[in-house]
Amino acid sequence: FVQELDDKDQALKIHLILHDLPEPYKE
């Protein structure tokens, strides 16, 4: 699902989701 990072909108969504992911999952 992260191979979609070529699409910048999709990448931003993934980054925003990851930013809010709780620890230890994020790390």
PDB file of all heavy atoms in Angstrom:
ATOM      1  N   PHE A   1       0.801  -1.216   0.000  1.00  0.00           N
ATOM      2  CA  PHE A   1       0.000   0.000   0.000  1.00  0.00           C
ATOM      3  C   PHE A   1       0.832   1.264   0.000  1.00  0.00           C
ATOM      4  O   PHE A   1       0.361   2.311  -0.398  1.00  0.00           O
ATOM      5  CB  PHE A   1      -1.012   0.008   1.153  1.00  0.00           C
ATOM      6  CG  PHE A   1      -0.408   0.150   2.515  1.00  0.00           C
ATOM      7  CD1 PHE A   1      -0.237   1.383   3.092  1.00  0.00           C
ATOM      8  CD2 PHE A   1      -0.030  -0.968   3.223  1.00  0.00           C
ATOM      9  CE1 PHE A   1       0.312   1.511   4.342  1.00  0.00           C
ATOM     10  CE2 PHE A   1       0.511  -0.847   4.475  1.00  0.00           C
ATOM     11  CZ  PHE A   1       0.689   0.393   5.038  1.00  0.00           C
ATOM     12  N   VAL A   2       2.090   1.204   0.387  1.00  0.00           N
ATOM     13  CA  VAL A   2       2.918   2.397   0.397  1.00  0.00           C
ATOM     14  C   VAL A   2       3.609   2.599  -0.952  1.00  0.00           C
ATOM     15  O   VAL A   2       4.170   3.643  -1.211  1.00  0.00           O
ATOM     16  CB  VAL A   2       3.929   2.363   1.565  1.00  0.00           C
ATOM     17  CG1 VAL A   2       4.734   3.628   1.635  1.00  0.00           C
ATOM     18  CG2 VAL A   2       3.198   2.165   2.878  1.00  0.00           C
ATOM     19  N   GLN A   3       3.517   1.627  -1.843  1.00  0.00           N
ATOM     20  CA  GLN A   3       4.083   1.801  -3.167  1.00  0.00           C
ATOM     21  C   GLN A   3       3.350   2.895  -3.920  1.00  0.00           C
ATOM     22  O   GLN A   3       3.825   3.399  -4.930  1.00  0.00           O
ATOM     23  CB  GLN A   3       4.046   0.493  -3.952  1.00  0.00           C
ATOM     24  CG  GLN A   3       5.067  -0.497  -3.447  1.00  0.00           C
ATOM     25  CD  GLN A   3       5.017  -1.796  -4.209  1.00  0.00           C
ATOM     26  OE1 GLN A   3       4.156  -2.017  -5.043  1.00  0.00           O
ATOM     27  NE2 GLN A   3       5.946  -2.684  -3.905  1.00  0.00           N
ATOM     28  N   GLU A   4       2.204   3.288  -3.411  1.00  0.00           N
ATOM     29  CA  GLU A   4       1.434   4.367  -4.013  1.00  0.00           C
ATOM     30  C   GLU A   4       2.046   5.731  -3.716  1.00  0.00           C
ATOM     31  O   GLU A   4       1.483   6.757  -4.064  1.00  0.00           O
ATOM     32  CB  GLU A   4      -0.009   4.313  -3.501  1.00  0.00           C
ATOM     33  CG  GLU A   4      -0.698   3.007  -3.814  1.00  0.00           C
ATOM     34  CD  GLU A   4      -2.036   2.864  -3.115  1.00  0.00           C
ATOM     35  OE1 GLU A   4      -2.606   3.889  -2.700  1.00  0.00           O
ATOM     36  OE2 GLU A   4      -2.495   1.736  -2.981  1.00  0.00           O
ATOM     37  N   LEU A   5       3.214   5.759  -3.090  1.00  0.00           N
ATOM     38  CA  LEU A   5       3.849   7.025  -2.737  1.00  0.00           C
ATOM     39  C   LEU A   5       4.242   7.853  -3.947  1.00  0.00           C
ATOM     40  O   LEU A   5       4.544   9.031  -3.805  1.00  0.00           O
ATOM     41  CB  LEU A   5       5.094   6.779  -1.874  1.00  0.00           C
ATOM     42  CG  LEU A   5       4.804   6.426  -0.429  1.00  0.00           C
ATOM     43  CD1 LEU A   5       6.106   6.113   0.293  1.00  0.00           C
ATOM     44  CD2 LEU A   5       4.082   7.522   0.284  1.00  0.00           C
ATOM     45  N   ASP A   6       4.233   7.247  -5.132  1.00  0.00           N
ATOM     46  CA  ASP A   6       4.517   8.022  -6.336  1.00  0.00           C
ATOM     47  C   ASP A   6       3.476   9.119  -6.508  1.00  0.00           C
ATOM     48  O   ASP A   6       3.747  10.173  -7.051  1.00  0.00           O
ATOM     49  CB  ASP A   6       4.541   7.117  -7.565  1.00  0.00           C
ATOM     50  CG  ASP A   6       5.677   6.120  -7.509  1.00  0.00           C
ATOM     51  OD1 ASP A   6       6.694   6.416  -6.851  1.00  0.00           O
ATOM     52  OD2 ASP A   6       5.549   5.059  -8.141  1.00  0.00           O
ATOM     53  N   ASP A   7       2.274   8.865  -6.038  1.00  0.00           N
ATOM     54  CA  ASP A   7       1.205   9.843  -6.083  1.00  0.00           C
ATOM     55  C   ASP A   7       1.351  10.730  -4.845  1.00  0.00           C
ATOM     56  O   ASP A   7       1.183  10.282  -3.725  1.00  0.00           O
ATOM     57  CB  ASP A   7      -0.138   9.120  -6.094  1.00  0.00           C
ATOM     58  CG  ASP A   7      -1.314  10.062  -6.062  1.00  0.00           C
ATOM     59  OD1 ASP A   7      -1.131  11.286  -6.137  1.00  0.00           O
ATOM     60  OD2 ASP A   7      -2.442   9.564  -5.947  1.00  0.00           O
ATOM     61  N   LYS A   8       1.667  12.013  -5.038  1.00  0.00           N
ATOM     62  CA  LYS A   8       1.963  12.902  -3.909  1.00  0.00           C
ATOM     63  C   LYS A   8       0.782  13.071  -2.963  1.00  0.00           C
ATOM     64  O   LYS A   8       0.972  13.181  -1.756  1.00  0.00           O
ATOM     65  CB  LYS A   8       2.454  14.250  -4.419  1.00  0.00           C
ATOM     66  CG  LYS A   8       3.809  14.161  -5.068  1.00  0.00           C
ATOM     67  CD  LYS A   8       4.437  15.507  -5.194  1.00  0.00           C
ATOM     68  CE  LYS A   8       5.750  15.399  -5.905  1.00  0.00           C
ATOM     69  NZ  LYS A   8       6.866  15.178  -5.043  1.00  0.00           N
ATOM     70  N   ASP A   9      -0.441  13.080  -3.475  1.00  0.00           N
ATOM     71  CA  ASP A   9      -1.601  13.188  -2.590  1.00  0.00           C
ATOM     72  C   ASP A   9      -1.706  11.968  -1.688  1.00  0.00           C
ATOM     73  O   ASP A   9      -1.968  12.087  -0.493  1.00  0.00           O
ATOM     74  CB  ASP A   9      -2.894  13.337  -3.403  1.00  0.00           C
ATOM     75  CG  ASP A   9      -2.981  14.659  -4.121  1.00  0.00           C
ATOM     76  OD1 ASP A   9      -2.369  15.641  -3.632  1.00  0.00           O
ATOM     77  OD2 ASP A   9      -3.658  14.719  -5.154  1.00  0.00           O
ATOM     78  N   GLN A  10      -1.485  10.809  -2.274  1.00  0.00           N
ATOM     79  CA  GLN A  10      -1.529   9.567  -1.509  1.00  0.00           C
ATOM     80  C   GLN A  10      -0.398   9.555  -0.471  1.00  0.00           C
ATOM     81  O   GLN A  10      -0.586   9.127   0.656  1.00  0.00           O
ATOM     82  CB  GLN A  10      -1.394   8.371  -2.463  1.00  0.00           C
ATOM     83  CG  GLN A  10      -1.767   7.069  -1.848  1.00  0.00           C
ATOM     84  CD  GLN A  10      -3.266   6.946  -1.599  1.00  0.00           C
ATOM     85  OE1 GLN A  10      -4.057   7.811  -1.934  1.00  0.00           O
ATOM     86  NE2 GLN A  10      -3.645   5.877  -0.968  1.00  0.00           N
ATOM     87  N   ALA A  11       0.755  10.037  -0.857  1.00  0.00           N
ATOM     88  CA  ALA A  11       1.889  10.086   0.060  1.00  0.00           C
ATOM     89  C   ALA A  11       1.579  10.982   1.253  1.00  0.00           C
ATOM     90  O   ALA A  11       1.873  10.628   2.393  1.00  0.00           O
ATOM     91  CB  ALA A  11       3.132  10.595  -0.672  1.00  0.00           C
ATOM     92  N   LEU A  12       0.997  12.129   0.992  1.00  0.00           N
ATOM     93  CA  LEU A  12       0.656  13.040   2.078  1.00  0.00           C
ATOM     94  C   LEU A  12      -0.326  12.385   3.041  1.00  0.00           C
ATOM     95  O   LEU A  12      -0.183  12.504   4.260  1.00  0.00           O
ATOM     96  CB  LEU A  12       0.075  14.343   1.524  1.00  0.00           C
ATOM     97  CG  LEU A  12      -0.330  15.376   2.571  1.00  0.00           C
ATOM     98  CD1 LEU A  12       0.876  15.774   3.434  1.00  0.00           C
ATOM     99  CD2 LEU A  12      -0.939  16.585   1.904  1.00  0.00           C
ATOM    100  N   LYS A  13      -1.309  11.670   2.520  1.00  0.00           N
ATOM    101  CA  LYS A  13      -2.282  10.978   3.377  1.00  0.00           C
ATOM    102  C   LYS A  13      -1.575   9.968   4.279  1.00  0.00           C
ATOM    103  O   LYS A  13      -1.860   9.878   5.467  1.00  0.00           O
ATOM    104  CB  LYS A  13      -3.332  10.261   2.523  1.00  0.00           C
ATOM    105  CG  LYS A  13      -4.311  11.185   1.852  1.00  0.00           C
ATOM    106  CD  LYS A  13      -5.270  10.392   0.983  1.00  0.00           C
ATOM    107  CE  LYS A  13      -6.128  11.316   0.159  1.00  0.00           C
ATOM    108  NZ  LYS A  13      -6.996  10.569  -0.777  1.00  0.00           N
ATOM    109  N   ILE A  14      -0.664   9.211   3.691  1.00  0.00           N
ATOM    110  CA  ILE A  14       0.056   8.200   4.474  1.00  0.00           C
ATOM    111  C   ILE A  14       0.909   8.871   5.545  1.00  0.00           C
ATOM    112  O   ILE A  14       0.939   8.440   6.692  1.00  0.00           O
ATOM    113  CB  ILE A  14       0.917   7.311   3.558  1.00  0.00           C
ATOM    114  CG1 ILE A  14       0.009   6.451   2.692  1.00  0.00           C
ATOM    115  CG2 ILE A  14       1.854   6.436   4.378  1.00  0.00           C
ATOM    116  CD1 ILE A  14       0.723   5.705   1.594  1.00  0.00           C
ATOM    117  N   HIS A  15       1.564   9.963   5.195  1.00  0.00           N
ATOM    118  CA  HIS A  15       2.404  10.660   6.162  1.00  0.00           C
ATOM    119  C   HIS A  15       1.575  11.231   7.305  1.00  0.00           C
ATOM    120  O   HIS A  15       1.986  11.184   8.468  1.00  0.00           O
ATOM    121  CB  HIS A  15       3.203  11.773   5.483  1.00  0.00           C
ATOM    122  CG  HIS A  15       4.219  11.266   4.506  1.00  0.00           C
ATOM    123  ND1 HIS A  15       5.097  10.250   4.784  1.00  0.00           N
ATOM    124  CD2 HIS A  15       4.478  11.635   3.234  1.00  0.00           C
ATOM    125  CE1 HIS A  15       5.856  10.017   3.746  1.00  0.00           C
ATOM    126  NE2 HIS A  15       5.503  10.843   2.778  1.00  0.00           N
ATOM    127  N   LEU A  16       0.415  11.776   6.978  1.00  0.00           N
ATOM    128  CA  LEU A  16      -0.457  12.326   8.020  1.00  0.00           C
ATOM    129  C   LEU A  16      -0.962  11.224   8.951  1.00  0.00           C
ATOM    130  O   LEU A  16      -1.014  11.404  10.165  1.00  0.00           O
ATOM    131  CB  LEU A  16      -1.632  13.083   7.392  1.00  0.00           C
ATOM    132  CG  LEU A  16      -1.267  14.395   6.704  1.00  0.00           C
ATOM    133  CD1 LEU A  16      -2.467  14.942   5.935  1.00  0.00           C
ATOM    134  CD2 LEU A  16      -0.759  15.412   7.707  1.00  0.00           C
ATOM    135  N   ILE A  17      -1.317  10.104   8.373  1.00  0.00           N
ATOM    136  CA  ILE A  17      -1.780   8.972   9.187  1.00  0.00           C
ATOM    137  C   ILE A  17      -0.646   8.477  10.080  1.00  0.00           C
ATOM    138  O   ILE A  17      -0.834   8.250  11.274  1.00  0.00           O
ATOM    139  CB  ILE A  17      -2.308   7.834   8.286  1.00  0.00           C
ATOM    140  CG1 ILE A  17      -3.629   8.263   7.627  1.00  0.00           C
ATOM    141  CG2 ILE A  17      -2.496   6.551   9.080  1.00  0.00           C
ATOM    142  CD1 ILE A  17      -4.080   7.349   6.503  1.00  0.00           C
ATOM    143  N   LEU A  18       0.523   8.337   9.504  1.00  0.00           N
ATOM    144  CA  LEU A  18       1.670   7.857  10.284  1.00  0.00           C
ATOM    145  C   LEU A  18       2.013   8.822  11.410  1.00  0.00           C
ATOM    146  O   LEU A  18       2.363   8.406  12.512  1.00  0.00           O
ATOM    147  CB  LEU A  18       2.879   7.655   9.376  1.00  0.00           C
ATOM    148  CG  LEU A  18       4.087   7.019  10.065  1.00  0.00           C
ATOM    149  CD1 LEU A  18       3.736   5.648  10.606  1.00  0.00           C
ATOM    150  CD2 LEU A  18       5.235   6.920   9.104  1.00  0.00           C
ATOM    151  N   HIS A  19       1.892  10.105  11.146  1.00  0.00           N
ATOM    152  CA  HIS A  19       2.189  11.113  12.163  1.00  0.00           C
ATOM    153  C   HIS A  19       1.321  10.924  13.411  1.00  0.00           C
ATOM    154  O   HIS A  19       1.781  11.133  14.532  1.00  0.00           O
ATOM    155  CB  HIS A  19       1.989  12.513  11.584  1.00  0.00           C
ATOM    156  CG  HIS A  19       2.254  13.604  12.569  1.00  0.00           C
ATOM    157  ND1 HIS A  19       3.534  13.921  12.978  1.00  0.00           N
ATOM    158  CD2 HIS A  19       1.430  14.431  13.238  1.00  0.00           C
ATOM    159  CE1 HIS A  19       3.464  14.899  13.865  1.00  0.00           C
ATOM    160  NE2 HIS A  19       2.209  15.224  14.028  1.00  0.00           N
ATOM    161  N   ASP A  20       0.071  10.523  13.211  1.00  0.00           N
ATOM    162  CA  ASP A  20      -0.856  10.343  14.332  1.00  0.00           C
ATOM    163  C   ASP A  20      -0.860   8.939  14.910  1.00  0.00           C
ATOM    164  O   ASP A  20      -1.575   8.664  15.867  1.00  0.00           O
ATOM    165  CB  ASP A  20      -2.279  10.710  13.882  1.00  0.00           C
ATOM    166  CG  ASP A  20      -2.422  12.193  13.609  1.00  0.00           C
ATOM    167  OD1 ASP A  20      -1.697  12.990  14.241  1.00  0.00           O
ATOM    168  OD2 ASP A  20      -3.256  12.559  12.758  1.00  0.00           O
ATOM    169  N   LEU A  21      -0.086   8.049  14.332  1.00  0.00           N
ATOM    170  CA  LEU A  21      -0.034   6.676  14.808  1.00  0.00           C
ATOM    171  C   LEU A  21       0.612   6.634  16.198  1.00  0.00           C
ATOM    172  O   LEU A  21       1.626   7.280  16.432  1.00  0.00           O
ATOM    173  CB  LEU A  21       0.794   5.836  13.829  1.00  0.00           C
ATOM    174  CG  LEU A  21       0.531   4.344  13.784  1.00  0.00           C
ATOM    175  CD1 LEU A  21      -0.905   4.058  13.366  1.00  0.00           C
ATOM    176  CD2 LEU A  21       1.486   3.693  12.796  1.00  0.00           C
ATOM    177  N   PRO A  22       0.013   5.893  17.132  1.00  0.00           N
ATOM    178  CA  PRO A  22       0.597   5.833  18.483  1.00  0.00           C
ATOM    179  C   PRO A  22       1.872   4.992  18.511  1.00  0.00           C
ATOM    180  O   PRO A  22       2.134   4.189  17.622  1.00  0.00           O
ATOM    181  CB  PRO A  22      -0.515   5.164  19.310  1.00  0.00           C
ATOM    182  CG  PRO A  22      -1.293   4.356  18.331  1.00  0.00           C
ATOM    183  CD  PRO A  22      -1.221   5.105  17.020  1.00  0.00           C
ATOM    184  N   GLU A  23       2.658   5.214  19.551  1.00  0.00           N
ATOM    185  CA  GLU A  23       3.859   4.407  19.776  1.00  0.00           C
ATOM    186  C   GLU A  23       3.420   3.079  20.377  1.00  0.00           C
ATOM    187  O   GLU A  23       2.402   3.017  21.045  1.00  0.00           O
ATOM    188  CB  GLU A  23       4.819   5.126  20.731  1.00  0.00           C
ATOM    189  CG  GLU A  23       5.418   6.389  20.168  1.00  0.00           C
ATOM    190  CD  GLU A  23       6.315   6.190  18.946  1.00  0.00           C
ATOM    191  OE1 GLU A  23       6.699   5.035  18.652  1.00  0.00           O
ATOM    192  OE2 GLU A  23       6.605   7.174  18.285  1.00  0.00           O
ATOM    193  N   PRO A  24       4.090   2.002  20.199  1.00  0.00           N
ATOM    194  CA  PRO A  24       5.353   1.824  19.493  1.00  0.00           C
ATOM    195  C   PRO A  24       5.162   1.577  17.997  1.00  0.00           C
ATOM    196  O   PRO A  24       6.131   1.379  17.286  1.00  0.00           O
ATOM    197  CB  PRO A  24       5.953   0.587  20.160  1.00  0.00           C
ATOM    198  CG  PRO A  24       4.764  -0.264  20.463  1.00  0.00           C
ATOM    199  CD  PRO A  24       3.692   0.739  20.861  1.00  0.00           C
ATOM    200  N   TYR A  25       3.898   1.589  17.528  1.00  0.00           N
ATOM    201  CA  TYR A  25       3.637   1.264  16.129  1.00  0.00           C
ATOM    202  C   TYR A  25       4.386   2.184  15.169  1.00  0.00           C
ATOM    203  O   TYR A  25       4.964   1.736  14.191  1.00  0.00           O
ATOM    204  CB  TYR A  25       2.130   1.328  15.836  1.00  0.00           C
ATOM    205  CG  TYR A  25       1.329   0.428  16.726  1.00  0.00           C
ATOM    206  CD1 TYR A  25       0.500   0.943  17.709  1.00  0.00           C
ATOM    207  CD2 TYR A  25       1.423  -0.954  16.606  1.00  0.00           C
ATOM    208  CE1 TYR A  25      -0.220   0.109  18.539  1.00  0.00           C
ATOM    209  CE2 TYR A  25       0.703  -1.799  17.437  1.00  0.00           C
ATOM    210  CZ  TYR A  25      -0.117  -1.259  18.400  1.00  0.00           C
ATOM    211  OH  TYR A  25      -0.818  -2.095  19.224  1.00  0.00           O
ATOM    212  N   LYS A  26       4.363   3.484  15.489  1.00  0.00           N
ATOM    213  CA  LYS A  26       5.012   4.457  14.619  1.00  0.00           C
ATOM    214  C   LYS A  26       6.509   4.158  14.488  1.00  0.00           C
ATOM    215  O   LYS A  26       7.047   4.089  13.391  1.00  0.00           O
ATOM    216  CB  LYS A  26       4.803   5.865  15.176  1.00  0.00           C
ATOM    217  CG  LYS A  26       5.381   6.951  14.317  1.00  0.00           C
ATOM    218  CD  LYS A  26       5.346   8.341  14.933  1.00  0.00           C
ATOM    219  CE  LYS A  26       4.207   8.640  15.826  1.00  0.00           C
ATOM    220  NZ  LYS A  26       4.194  10.018  16.326  1.00  0.00           N
ATOM    221  N   GLU A  27       7.177   3.975  15.607  1.00  0.00           N
ATOM    222  CA  GLU A  27       8.630   3.780  15.566  1.00  0.00           C
ATOM    223  C   GLU A  27       9.005   2.436  14.953  1.00  0.00           C
ATOM    224  O   GLU A  27       9.951   2.351  14.178  1.00  0.00           O
ATOM    225  CB  GLU A  27       9.244   3.914  16.954  1.00  0.00           C
ATOM    226  CG  GLU A  27      10.750   3.876  16.897  1.00  0.00           C
ATOM    227  CD  GLU A  27      11.418   4.181  18.215  1.00  0.00           C
ATOM    228  OE1 GLU A  27      10.725   4.489  19.201  1.00  0.00           O
ATOM    229  OE2 GLU A  27      12.655   4.116  18.251  1.00  0.00           O
TER     230      GLU A  27
END
